[in-house]
Amino acid sequence: MDTVSLLMGAVIASIVWICVVPWSKLARLREFDAQRDEPGTE
């Protein structure tokens, strides 16, 4: 493989990583808020 293909793969992987990681953290935060808001958990 040539260098351009490697760079393109790295750029695509970086973009996917930047998009996926915040969504997974947001889902975890929503789950935490749901647990905190349930009555009787405190």
C-alpha atoms as a PDB file:
ATOM      1  CA  MET A   1       0.000   0.000   0.000  1.00  0.00           C
ATOM      2  CA  ASP A   2       1.152   3.484  -0.670  1.00  0.00           C
ATOM      3  CA  THR A   3       1.450   6.326   1.807  1.00  0.00           C
ATOM      4  CA  VAL A   4      -1.649   8.152   0.571  1.00  0.00           C
ATOM      5  CA  SER A   5      -3.836   5.124   1.278  1.00  0.00           C
ATOM      6  CA  LEU A   6      -2.389   4.808   4.767  1.00  0.00           C
ATOM      7  CA  LEU A   7      -3.010   8.482   5.473  1.00  0.00           C
ATOM      8  CA  MET A   8      -6.571   8.283   4.164  1.00  0.00           C
ATOM      9  CA  GLY A   9      -7.251   5.259   6.363  1.00  0.00           C
ATOM     10  CA  ALA A  10      -5.847   7.086   9.383  1.00  0.00           C
ATOM     11  CA  VAL A  11      -7.986  10.158   8.686  1.00  0.00           C
ATOM     12  CA  ILE A  12     -11.147   8.079   8.313  1.00  0.00           C
ATOM     13  CA  ALA A  13     -10.357   6.150  11.499  1.00  0.00           C
ATOM     14  CA  SER A  14      -9.803   9.428  13.365  1.00  0.00           C
ATOM     15  CA  ILE A  15     -13.108  10.875  12.187  1.00  0.00           C
ATOM     16  CA  VAL A  16     -14.966   7.701  13.161  1.00  0.00           C
ATOM     17  CA  TRP A  17     -13.261   7.721  16.580  1.00  0.00           C
ATOM     18  CA  ILE A  18     -14.179  11.386  17.173  1.00  0.00           C
ATOM     19  CA  CYS A  19     -17.822  10.633  16.282  1.00  0.00           C
ATOM     20  CA  VAL A  20     -18.212   7.337  18.180  1.00  0.00           C
ATOM     21  CA  VAL A  21     -16.537   8.148  21.500  1.00  0.00           C
ATOM     22  CA  PRO A  22     -18.694  11.204  22.415  1.00  0.00           C
ATOM     23  CA  TRP A  23     -21.893   9.269  21.538  1.00  0.00           C
ATOM     24  CA  SER A  24     -20.910   6.380  23.818  1.00  0.00           C
ATOM     25  CA  LYS A  25     -20.117   8.818  26.646  1.00  0.00           C
ATOM     26  CA  LEU A  26     -23.445  10.571  26.079  1.00  0.00           C
ATOM     27  CA  ALA A  27     -25.305   7.254  26.281  1.00  0.00           C
ATOM     28  CA  ARG A  28     -23.496   6.411  29.538  1.00  0.00           C
ATOM     29  CA  LEU A  29     -24.348   9.865  30.934  1.00  0.00           C
ATOM     30  CA  ARG A  30     -28.040   9.400  30.070  1.00  0.00           C
ATOM     31  CA  GLU A  31     -27.997   6.005  31.782  1.00  0.00           C
ATOM     32  CA  PHE A  32     -26.424   7.563  34.879  1.00  0.00           C
ATOM     33  CA  ASP A  33     -29.058  10.328  34.937  1.00  0.00           C
ATOM     34  CA  ALA A  34     -31.855   7.767  34.591  1.00  0.00           C
ATOM     35  CA  GLN A  35     -30.517   5.796  37.560  1.00  0.00           C
ATOM     36  CA  ARG A  36     -30.146   8.968  39.624  1.00  0.00           C
ATOM     37  CA  ASP A  37     -33.689  10.142  38.852  1.00  0.00           C
ATOM     38  CA  GLU A  38     -35.349   6.836  39.831  1.00  0.00           C
ATOM     39  CA  PRO A  39     -37.278   7.122  43.087  1.00  0.00           C
ATOM     40  CA  GLY A  40     -36.135   4.927  45.929  1.00  0.00           C
ATOM     41  CA  THR A  41     -32.485   4.691  44.880  1.00  0.00           C
ATOM     42  CA  GLU A  42     -31.297   7.214  47.441  1.00  0.00           C
END
